[in-house]
């Protein structure tokens, strides 16, 4: 197997059976797609398995992290109600309450921008 660094954000991986490129992109948490959310949430939660995003999980996040949710016109806002000295303040506005809670949690734990590996 050979690995080539094409430029700062692209790796080419070549093996006898395959050839593909991995790109590292920087993405705002607010721009994560529904398919990317479970993987980003797993990273934020520091777990290996990809979690199922549902109200059971979001309820636990809301209670444990003291995340507040509020409707704002046709969208939902999620934010930290009681920022602690050791935490980052985070707020996300999304189409659904679940998406807003998950993105708010990810932003608090990992920052407002993530590095995503794509191929």
C-alpha atoms as a PDB file:
ATOM      1  CA  UNK A   1       0.000   0.000   0.000  1.00  0.00           C
ATOM      2  CA  UNK A   2       1.204   3.494  -0.852  1.00  0.00           C
ATOM      3  CA  UNK A   3      -0.053   6.718   0.631  1.00  0.00           C
ATOM      4  CA  UNK A   4       0.602  10.045  -1.081  1.00  0.00           C
ATOM      5  CA  UNK A   5      -0.018  13.463   0.383  1.00  0.00           C
ATOM      6  CA  UNK A   6      -1.268  15.472  -2.599  1.00  0.00           C
ATOM      7  CA  UNK A   7      -1.715  18.687  -0.680  1.00  0.00           C
ATOM      8  CA  UNK A   8      -2.486  19.654   2.898  1.00  0.00           C
ATOM      9  CA  UNK A   9      -6.033  18.275   2.826  1.00  0.00           C
ATOM     10  CA  UNK A  10      -5.896  15.306   0.424  1.00  0.00           C
ATOM     11  CA  UNK A  11      -4.374  11.842   0.805  1.00  0.00           C
ATOM     12  CA  UNK A  12      -4.242   9.331  -2.045  1.00  0.00           C
ATOM     13  CA  UNK A  13      -4.269   5.703  -0.888  1.00  0.00           C
ATOM     14  CA  UNK A  14      -3.176   3.085  -3.396  1.00  0.00           C
ATOM     15  CA  UNK A  15      -3.201  -0.656  -2.838  1.00  0.00           C
ATOM     16  CA  UNK A  16      -3.056  -3.608  -5.241  1.00  0.00           C
ATOM     17  CA  UNK A  17      -6.856  -3.803  -5.139  1.00  0.00           C
ATOM     18  CA  UNK A  18      -8.037  -0.204  -4.851  1.00  0.00           C
ATOM     19  CA  UNK A  19      -7.206   3.430  -5.302  1.00  0.00           C
ATOM     20  CA  UNK A  20      -9.022   6.273  -3.625  1.00  0.00           C
ATOM     21  CA  UNK A  21      -8.566   9.745  -2.230  1.00  0.00           C
ATOM     22  CA  UNK A  22      -9.448  10.951   1.235  1.00  0.00           C
ATOM     23  CA  UNK A  23     -10.209  14.623   1.609  1.00  0.00           C
ATOM     24  CA  UNK A  24     -10.188  16.488   4.864  1.00  0.00           C
ATOM     25  CA  UNK A  25     -12.652  19.352   4.873  1.00  0.00           C
ATOM     26  CA  UNK A  26     -13.551  21.868   7.515  1.00  0.00           C
ATOM     27  CA  UNK A  27     -17.280  22.145   8.162  1.00  0.00           C
ATOM     28  CA  UNK A  28     -19.440  24.172  10.528  1.00  0.00           C
ATOM     29  CA  UNK A  29     -21.550  22.149  12.940  1.00  0.00           C
ATOM     30  CA  UNK A  30     -24.597  24.068  11.711  1.00  0.00           C
ATOM     31  CA  UNK A  31     -23.962  22.692   8.180  1.00  0.00           C
ATOM     32  CA  UNK A  32     -23.832  19.008   9.181  1.00  0.00           C
ATOM     33  CA  UNK A  33     -26.306  16.872   7.255  1.00  0.00           C
ATOM     34  CA  UNK A  34     -28.638  14.365   8.944  1.00  0.00           C
ATOM     35  CA  UNK A  35     -26.350  11.544   7.718  1.00  0.00           C
ATOM     36  CA  UNK A  36     -23.281  13.178   9.294  1.00  0.00           C
ATOM     37  CA  UNK A  37     -24.909  13.914  12.663  1.00  0.00           C
ATOM     38  CA  UNK A  38     -24.685  10.404  14.208  1.00  0.00           C
ATOM     39  CA  UNK A  39     -20.958  10.137  13.433  1.00  0.00           C
ATOM     40  CA  UNK A  40     -20.226  13.622  14.769  1.00  0.00           C
ATOM     41  CA  UNK A  41     -22.313  12.873  17.860  1.00  0.00           C
ATOM     42  CA  UNK A  42     -20.348   9.654  18.482  1.00  0.00           C
ATOM     43  CA  UNK A  43     -17.135  11.668  18.337  1.00  0.00           C
ATOM     44  CA  UNK A  44     -18.548  14.289  20.722  1.00  0.00           C
ATOM     45  CA  UNK A  45     -19.755  11.595  23.131  1.00  0.00           C
ATOM     46  CA  UNK A  46     -16.404   9.762  22.843  1.00  0.00           C
ATOM     47  CA  UNK A  47     -18.055   6.441  21.996  1.00  0.00           C
ATOM     48  CA  UNK A  48     -17.120   3.961  19.277  1.00  0.00           C
ATOM     49  CA  UNK A  49     -20.618   2.917  18.237  1.00  0.00           C
ATOM     50  CA  UNK A  50     -22.768   5.317  16.263  1.00  0.00           C
ATOM     51  CA  UNK A  51     -25.763   6.319  18.412  1.00  0.00           C
ATOM     52  CA  UNK A  52     -29.375   6.318  17.280  1.00  0.00           C
ATOM     53  CA  UNK A  53     -30.605   9.887  17.450  1.00  0.00           C
ATOM     54  CA  UNK A  54     -34.053   9.865  19.037  1.00  0.00           C
ATOM     55  CA  UNK A  55     -35.939  11.565  21.864  1.00  0.00           C
ATOM     56  CA  UNK A  56     -34.685   9.059  24.433  1.00  0.00           C
ATOM     57  CA  UNK A  57     -31.086  10.088  23.749  1.00  0.00           C
ATOM     58  CA  UNK A  58     -31.906  13.783  23.330  1.00  0.00           C
ATOM     59  CA  UNK A  59     -33.859  13.797  26.606  1.00  0.00           C
ATOM     60  CA  UNK A  60     -30.772  12.471  28.390  1.00  0.00           C
ATOM     61  CA  UNK A  61     -28.585  15.111  26.719  1.00  0.00           C
ATOM     62  CA  UNK A  62     -31.040  17.884  27.617  1.00  0.00           C
ATOM     63  CA  UNK A  63     -31.176  16.796  31.263  1.00  0.00           C
ATOM     64  CA  UNK A  64     -27.481  16.008  31.763  1.00  0.00           C
ATOM     65  CA  UNK A  65     -26.125  19.010  29.859  1.00  0.00           C
ATOM     66  CA  UNK A  66     -28.888  21.461  30.863  1.00  0.00           C
ATOM     67  CA  UNK A  67     -29.678  22.293  27.234  1.00  0.00           C
ATOM     68  CA  UNK A  68     -32.723  24.501  26.714  1.00  0.00           C
ATOM     69  CA  UNK A  69     -34.911  24.266  23.622  1.00  0.00           C
ATOM     70  CA  UNK A  70     -37.281  26.907  22.365  1.00  0.00           C
ATOM     71  CA  UNK A  71     -39.415  27.323  19.251  1.00  0.00           C
ATOM     72  CA  UNK A  72     -38.519  30.364  17.165  1.00  0.00           C
ATOM     73  CA  UNK A  73     -41.047  30.963  14.389  1.00  0.00           C
ATOM     74  CA  UNK A  74     -40.803  27.877  12.141  1.00  0.00           C
ATOM     75  CA  UNK A  75     -37.505  26.612  13.586  1.00  0.00           C
ATOM     76  CA  UNK A  76     -36.110  25.394  16.911  1.00  0.00           C
ATOM     77  CA  UNK A  77     -33.325  26.867  19.009  1.00  0.00           C
ATOM     78  CA  UNK A  78     -31.178  24.853  21.432  1.00  0.00           C
ATOM     79  CA  UNK A  79     -28.706  26.499  23.797  1.00  0.00           C
ATOM     80  CA  UNK A  80     -26.963  25.970  27.110  1.00  0.00           C
ATOM     81  CA  UNK A  81     -29.068  27.393  29.923  1.00  0.00           C
ATOM     82  CA  UNK A  82     -26.359  27.492  32.587  1.00  0.00           C
ATOM     83  CA  UNK A  83     -22.906  27.873  31.063  1.00  0.00           C
ATOM     84  CA  UNK A  84     -20.247  26.645  33.451  1.00  0.00           C
ATOM     85  CA  UNK A  85     -16.772  28.085  33.704  1.00  0.00           C
ATOM     86  CA  UNK A  86     -15.278  24.990  32.034  1.00  0.00           C
ATOM     87  CA  UNK A  87     -17.768  24.823  29.150  1.00  0.00           C
ATOM     88  CA  UNK A  88     -18.189  26.497  25.802  1.00  0.00           C
ATOM     89  CA  UNK A  89     -21.360  28.399  25.138  1.00  0.00           C
ATOM     90  CA  UNK A  90     -23.232  26.969  22.182  1.00  0.00           C
ATOM     91  CA  UNK A  91     -26.470  27.692  20.346  1.00  0.00           C
ATOM     92  CA  UNK A  92     -27.975  26.074  17.262  1.00  0.00           C
ATOM     93  CA  UNK A  93     -31.100  26.956  15.285  1.00  0.00           C
ATOM     94  CA  UNK A  94     -32.521  24.096  13.178  1.00  0.00           C
ATOM     95  CA  UNK A  95     -35.683  22.829  11.515  1.00  0.00           C
ATOM     96  CA  UNK A  96     -36.324  20.226  14.248  1.00  0.00           C
ATOM     97  CA  UNK A  97     -35.813  20.268  18.006  1.00  0.00           C
ATOM     98  CA  UNK A  98     -33.845  16.996  17.933  1.00  0.00           C
ATOM     99  CA  UNK A  99     -31.408  18.337  15.331  1.00  0.00           C
ATOM    100  CA  UNK A 100     -30.940  21.556  17.317  1.00  0.00           C
ATOM    101  CA  UNK A 101     -30.194  19.650  20.557  1.00  0.00           C
ATOM    102  CA  UNK A 102     -27.695  17.316  18.886  1.00  0.00           C
ATOM    103  CA  UNK A 103     -25.881  20.114  17.035  1.00  0.00           C
ATOM    104  CA  UNK A 104     -25.768  22.238  20.201  1.00  0.00           C
ATOM    105  CA  UNK A 105     -24.181  19.340  22.115  1.00  0.00           C
ATOM    106  CA  UNK A 106     -21.667  18.689  19.312  1.00  0.00           C
ATOM    107  CA  UNK A 107     -20.732  22.373  19.164  1.00  0.00           C
ATOM    108  CA  UNK A 108     -20.159  22.524  22.918  1.00  0.00           C
ATOM    109  CA  UNK A 109     -17.997  19.405  22.973  1.00  0.00           C
ATOM    110  CA  UNK A 110     -16.056  19.806  19.692  1.00  0.00           C
ATOM    111  CA  UNK A 111     -16.284  23.485  18.776  1.00  0.00           C
ATOM    112  CA  UNK A 112     -18.199  25.278  16.046  1.00  0.00           C
ATOM    113  CA  UNK A 113     -16.148  23.744  13.205  1.00  0.00           C
ATOM    114  CA  UNK A 114     -15.186  20.119  12.588  1.00  0.00           C
ATOM    115  CA  UNK A 115     -12.669  18.407  10.328  1.00  0.00           C
ATOM    116  CA  UNK A 116     -14.492  15.771   8.286  1.00  0.00           C
ATOM    117  CA  UNK A 117     -12.774  13.022   6.267  1.00  0.00           C
ATOM    118  CA  UNK A 118     -14.509  12.248   2.959  1.00  0.00           C
ATOM    119  CA  UNK A 119     -13.643  10.086  -0.021  1.00  0.00           C
END
